[in-house]
Amino acid sequence: MALFKYSAPSAFYPLAGKLVPWFGAAAFVLGVVGLYIGLFVAPEDFQQGEVYRIIFIHVPTAWMGMFIYLVMAMYGVLALIYQTRLSAMMMEALAPTGAIFTALALWTGALWGKPTWGTYWAWDARMTSTLILLFLYIGYIALVNAIEDKKRADKAGALLVIVGSVNVPIIYFSVKWWNTLHQGASISVSGGNKMAMTMLLAMLIMALACWMYSIAVALCRVRAIILERERHTQWVREIKEVR
């Protein structure tokens, strides 16, 4: 029950400030280690050669693009049901990071696709549904910034995110449901691991680095959002006076 007190922006603001350096440092260390293993330690792929190494950025960013959207949908449900202000603020804080990761996934996928498949882009199911995910992120950001009434903006944004979340399982299962250029999952709970252990280690470390980075950046951004939205409250005035 003690955790519920942090659902108030005034209580969450100082906690977020304390957590940012830890998650930021973890993201930096994990990113350096993951890139070193992926670029210099992992063996060359016997089919794709050296070009496959782009997956150590492409796959984690694709994972995070989908995961962040689902987290936003969860916050959207909380915002609609419990009318929690912090949930709506977290959605707004997470959206730019999710959009950046999705754009990186599309960009690195195009760079990978040219030497592998002979084209930068093909309108297959996974590429198209990932592009739709990017449009959903951009649409959410545009929507909440276009509505001046923050309560209406939060509600409209939450509804958009919740409805759009149906696209995430479409992205994930697209390689099973349709004939696409993408290969099946190399890592699965039922099918086991089809990658060399060094490759898998680098992939997981990079995924964790992206996760830590997302948390650190979202916490920084939500602190700015809290100060903006709560600027008329007494506790924010006191903070500004101290500064």
Protein backbone atom coordinates (compact mmCIF):
# COMPACT_ATOMS: atom_id res chain seq x y z
CA MET A 1 0.00 0.00 0.00
CA ALA A 2 2.94 2.34 0.61
CA LEU A 3 3.65 2.32 -3.12
CA PHE A 4 0.30 3.97 -3.84
CA LYS A 5 1.55 7.22 -2.34
CA TYR A 6 3.88 7.56 -5.34
CA SER A 7 0.88 7.78 -7.66
CA ALA A 8 0.68 11.43 -6.61
CA PRO A 9 2.88 13.66 -8.82
CA SER A 10 4.23 15.51 -5.76
CA ALA A 11 5.50 12.23 -4.26
CA PHE A 12 6.73 10.71 -7.53
CA TYR A 13 8.72 13.78 -8.62
CA PRO A 14 11.55 13.45 -6.04
CA LEU A 15 11.61 9.65 -6.38
CA ALA A 16 12.06 9.93 -10.15
CA GLY A 17 14.93 12.36 -9.62
CA LYS A 18 16.73 9.85 -7.40
CA LEU A 19 16.24 6.97 -9.86
CA VAL A 20 17.36 8.73 -13.05
CA PRO A 21 21.14 8.57 -12.38
CA TRP A 22 20.99 4.87 -11.54
CA PHE A 23 19.07 3.88 -14.64
CA GLY A 24 21.15 6.24 -16.80
CA ALA A 25 24.41 4.74 -15.53
CA ALA A 26 23.07 1.21 -16.04
CA ALA A 27 22.06 2.06 -19.60
CA PHE A 28 25.53 3.42 -20.40
CA VAL A 29 27.43 0.47 -18.94
CA LEU A 30 25.15 -2.15 -20.47
CA GLY A 31 25.21 -0.37 -23.84
CA VAL A 32 29.02 -0.29 -23.93
CA VAL A 33 29.30 -3.95 -22.88
CA GLY A 34 26.57 -5.10 -25.28
CA LEU A 35 28.04 -3.26 -28.27
CA TYR A 36 31.54 -4.53 -27.50
CA ILE A 37 30.37 -8.15 -27.35
CA GLY A 38 28.16 -7.76 -30.42
CA LEU A 39 30.69 -5.95 -32.60
CA PHE A 40 33.99 -7.50 -31.52
CA VAL A 41 33.40 -10.75 -29.63
CA ALA A 42 30.43 -12.41 -31.33
CA PRO A 43 31.42 -14.64 -34.27
CA GLU A 44 30.69 -13.81 -37.88
CA ASP A 45 27.42 -15.23 -39.17
CA PHE A 46 28.01 -18.05 -41.66
CA GLN A 47 25.20 -16.84 -43.97
CA GLN A 48 25.11 -13.04 -43.65
CA GLY A 49 28.71 -12.33 -42.76
CA GLU A 50 29.49 -9.14 -40.84
CA VAL A 51 26.33 -7.30 -41.89
CA TYR A 52 24.26 -9.31 -39.42
CA ARG A 53 25.76 -7.30 -36.53
CA ILE A 54 23.19 -4.59 -37.09
CA ILE A 55 20.70 -6.88 -35.36
CA PHE A 56 22.26 -5.94 -32.02
CA ILE A 57 20.66 -2.53 -32.50
CA HIS A 58 17.75 -3.45 -34.75
CA VAL A 59 16.19 -6.19 -32.65
CA PRO A 60 16.38 -4.49 -29.22
CA THR A 61 14.95 -1.25 -30.62
CA ALA A 62 12.12 -3.18 -32.30
CA TRP A 63 11.37 -4.96 -29.03
CA MET A 64 11.34 -1.69 -27.10
CA GLY A 65 9.11 0.03 -29.65
CA MET A 66 6.46 -2.63 -29.09
CA PHE A 67 7.01 -2.95 -25.33
CA ILE A 68 6.77 0.79 -24.65
CA TYR A 69 3.51 0.99 -26.55
CA LEU A 70 2.04 -1.79 -24.41
CA VAL A 71 3.22 0.00 -21.27
CA MET A 72 1.52 3.16 -22.56
CA ALA A 73 -1.67 1.17 -23.12
CA MET A 74 -1.50 -0.08 -19.53
CA TYR A 75 -1.13 3.49 -18.27
CA GLY A 76 -4.00 4.46 -20.56
CA VAL A 77 -6.28 1.92 -18.87
CA LEU A 78 -5.27 3.23 -15.45
CA ALA A 79 -5.84 6.81 -16.57
CA LEU A 80 -9.35 6.04 -17.84
CA ILE A 81 -10.48 3.82 -14.96
CA TYR A 82 -8.86 5.49 -11.95
CA GLN A 83 -8.44 9.02 -13.38
CA THR A 84 -4.82 9.08 -12.20
CA ARG A 85 -2.97 12.13 -13.43
CA LEU A 86 0.44 10.49 -13.19
CA SER A 87 -0.61 7.67 -15.54
CA ALA A 88 -1.47 10.18 -18.26
CA MET A 89 1.81 11.98 -17.65
CA MET A 90 3.75 8.73 -17.98
CA MET A 91 2.06 8.04 -21.31
CA GLU A 92 3.13 11.44 -22.56
CA ALA A 93 6.66 10.90 -21.25
CA LEU A 94 7.06 7.47 -22.86
CA ALA A 95 5.70 8.30 -26.32
CA PRO A 96 8.73 10.14 -27.79
CA THR A 97 11.10 7.38 -26.67
CA GLY A 98 8.86 4.70 -28.14
CA ALA A 99 8.65 6.64 -31.40
CA ILE A 100 12.44 7.00 -31.56
CA PHE A 101 13.00 3.28 -30.96
CA THR A 102 10.42 2.36 -33.62
CA ALA A 103 12.02 4.74 -36.11
CA LEU A 104 15.45 3.26 -35.34
CA ALA A 105 14.05 -0.24 -35.85
CA LEU A 106 12.70 0.75 -39.28
CA TRP A 107 15.91 2.53 -40.26
CA THR A 108 18.28 -0.25 -39.17
CA GLY A 109 15.94 -2.80 -40.71
CA ALA A 110 16.22 -0.99 -44.04
CA LEU A 111 20.02 -0.95 -43.79
CA TRP A 112 19.97 -4.65 -42.99
CA GLY A 113 17.45 -5.44 -45.72
CA LYS A 114 19.41 -4.02 -48.65
CA PRO A 115 22.39 -6.42 -48.50
CA THR A 116 20.29 -9.30 -47.14
CA TRP A 117 17.10 -9.15 -49.23
CA GLY A 118 18.22 -6.80 -52.02
CA THR A 119 15.85 -3.97 -51.05
CA TYR A 120 15.60 -1.30 -48.39
CA TRP A 121 11.85 -1.67 -48.09
CA ALA A 122 9.14 -4.16 -48.95
CA TRP A 123 5.50 -3.80 -47.98
CA ASP A 124 5.41 -7.06 -46.09
CA ALA A 125 3.30 -7.57 -42.97
CA ARG A 126 5.96 -6.91 -40.33
CA MET A 127 7.45 -3.83 -41.97
CA THR A 128 4.04 -2.33 -42.65
CA SER A 129 2.67 -3.01 -39.17
CA THR A 130 5.83 -1.54 -37.62
CA LEU A 131 5.40 1.57 -39.77
CA ILE A 132 1.81 1.77 -38.50
CA LEU A 133 3.18 1.61 -34.96
CA LEU A 134 5.36 4.65 -35.69
CA PHE A 135 2.31 6.48 -37.06
CA LEU A 136 0.40 5.59 -33.88
CA TYR A 137 3.15 7.11 -31.75
CA ILE A 138 3.23 10.25 -33.88
CA GLY A 139 -0.57 10.40 -33.89
CA TYR A 140 -0.71 10.19 -30.12
CA ILE A 141 1.90 12.94 -29.67
CA ALA A 142 0.08 15.18 -32.17
CA LEU A 143 -3.32 14.51 -30.59
CA VAL A 144 -2.41 15.30 -26.98
CA ASN A 145 -0.61 18.47 -28.06
CA ALA A 146 -3.48 19.62 -30.27
CA ILE A 147 -6.07 19.63 -27.47
CA GLU A 148 -5.65 22.49 -25.00
CA ASP A 149 -7.77 20.93 -22.25
CA LYS A 150 -5.35 18.47 -20.67
CA LYS A 151 -8.10 16.25 -19.24
CA ARG A 152 -9.69 15.84 -22.66
CA ALA A 153 -6.28 15.38 -24.25
CA ASP A 154 -5.36 12.64 -21.76
CA LYS A 155 -8.64 10.81 -22.33
CA ALA A 156 -8.41 11.03 -26.12
CA GLY A 157 -4.77 9.94 -26.07
CA ALA A 158 -5.52 7.00 -23.79
CA LEU A 159 -8.32 5.80 -26.07
CA LEU A 160 -6.07 6.06 -29.14
CA VAL A 161 -3.27 4.11 -27.48
CA ILE A 162 -5.57 1.38 -26.15
CA VAL A 163 -7.25 0.88 -29.53
CA GLY A 164 -3.89 0.99 -31.32
CA SER A 165 -2.40 -1.66 -29.04
CA VAL A 166 -4.06 -4.33 -31.20
CA ASN A 167 -1.28 -3.61 -33.70
CA VAL A 168 1.44 -4.94 -31.36
CA PRO A 169 0.42 -8.63 -31.52
CA ILE A 170 -0.01 -8.19 -35.28
CA ILE A 171 3.65 -7.12 -35.50
CA TYR A 172 4.80 -10.00 -33.33
CA PHE A 173 2.82 -12.78 -35.03
CA SER A 174 3.04 -11.40 -38.58
CA VAL A 175 5.84 -13.80 -39.55
CA LYS A 176 3.60 -16.72 -38.54
CA TRP A 177 0.34 -15.45 -40.00
CA TRP A 178 1.65 -14.25 -43.37
CA ASN A 179 4.45 -15.00 -45.82
CA THR A 180 6.99 -12.25 -45.10
CA LEU A 181 10.65 -11.55 -45.81
CA HIS A 182 11.40 -11.70 -42.10
CA GLN A 183 12.70 -14.90 -40.64
CA GLY A 184 10.98 -16.53 -37.70
CA ALA A 185 11.99 -15.78 -34.14
CA SER A 186 15.51 -16.89 -33.27
CA ILE A 187 14.62 -16.79 -29.57
CA SER A 188 11.43 -18.38 -28.27
CA VAL A 189 10.23 -20.04 -25.10
CA SER A 190 8.94 -23.15 -26.87
CA GLY A 191 11.44 -23.39 -29.69
CA GLY A 192 14.56 -22.62 -27.72
CA ASN A 193 17.49 -20.56 -28.93
CA LYS A 194 18.81 -20.77 -32.50
CA MET A 195 21.65 -18.29 -31.98
CA ALA A 196 25.19 -18.73 -30.75
CA MET A 197 25.38 -18.01 -27.03
CA THR A 198 27.68 -15.01 -27.56
CA MET A 199 25.19 -13.49 -30.01
CA LEU A 200 22.33 -14.15 -27.62
CA LEU A 201 24.24 -12.59 -24.73
CA ALA A 202 24.98 -9.43 -26.72
CA MET A 203 21.34 -9.22 -27.85
CA LEU A 204 19.94 -9.53 -24.33
CA ILE A 205 22.44 -7.05 -22.86
CA MET A 206 21.56 -4.51 -25.56
CA ALA A 207 17.85 -5.08 -24.92
CA LEU A 208 18.42 -4.46 -21.22
CA ALA A 209 20.44 -1.32 -22.04
CA CYS A 210 17.56 0.00 -24.14
CA TRP A 211 15.18 -0.77 -21.31
CA MET A 212 17.31 1.10 -18.75
CA TYR A 213 17.67 4.02 -21.16
CA SER A 214 13.91 4.16 -21.70
CA ILE A 215 13.24 4.31 -17.98
CA ALA A 216 15.87 7.00 -17.37
CA VAL A 217 14.66 9.22 -20.20
CA ALA A 218 10.98 8.72 -19.35
CA LEU A 219 11.63 9.67 -15.73
CA CYS A 220 13.48 12.81 -16.81
CA ARG A 221 10.69 13.74 -19.17
CA VAL A 222 7.89 13.05 -16.71
CA ARG A 223 9.57 15.31 -14.14
CA ALA A 224 9.41 18.15 -16.67
CA ILE A 225 5.78 17.32 -17.45
CA ILE A 226 4.90 17.29 -13.75
CA LEU A 227 6.44 20.71 -13.22
CA GLU A 228 4.55 22.08 -16.21
CA ARG A 229 1.17 20.63 -15.30
CA GLU A 230 1.46 21.24 -11.56
CA ARG A 231 3.00 24.72 -11.87
CA HIS A 232 0.09 26.33 -10.05
CA THR A 233 0.41 24.12 -6.95
CA GLN A 234 2.17 25.19 -3.79
CA TRP A 235 4.80 22.43 -3.79
CA VAL A 236 5.98 23.33 -7.30
CA ARG A 237 6.21 27.01 -6.33
CA GLU A 238 8.38 26.01 -3.38
CA ILE A 239 10.68 24.00 -5.65
CA LYS A 240 11.10 26.92 -8.02
CA GLU A 241 11.81 29.27 -5.13
CA VAL A 242 14.56 26.94 -3.86
CA ARG A 243 16.14 26.90 -7.31
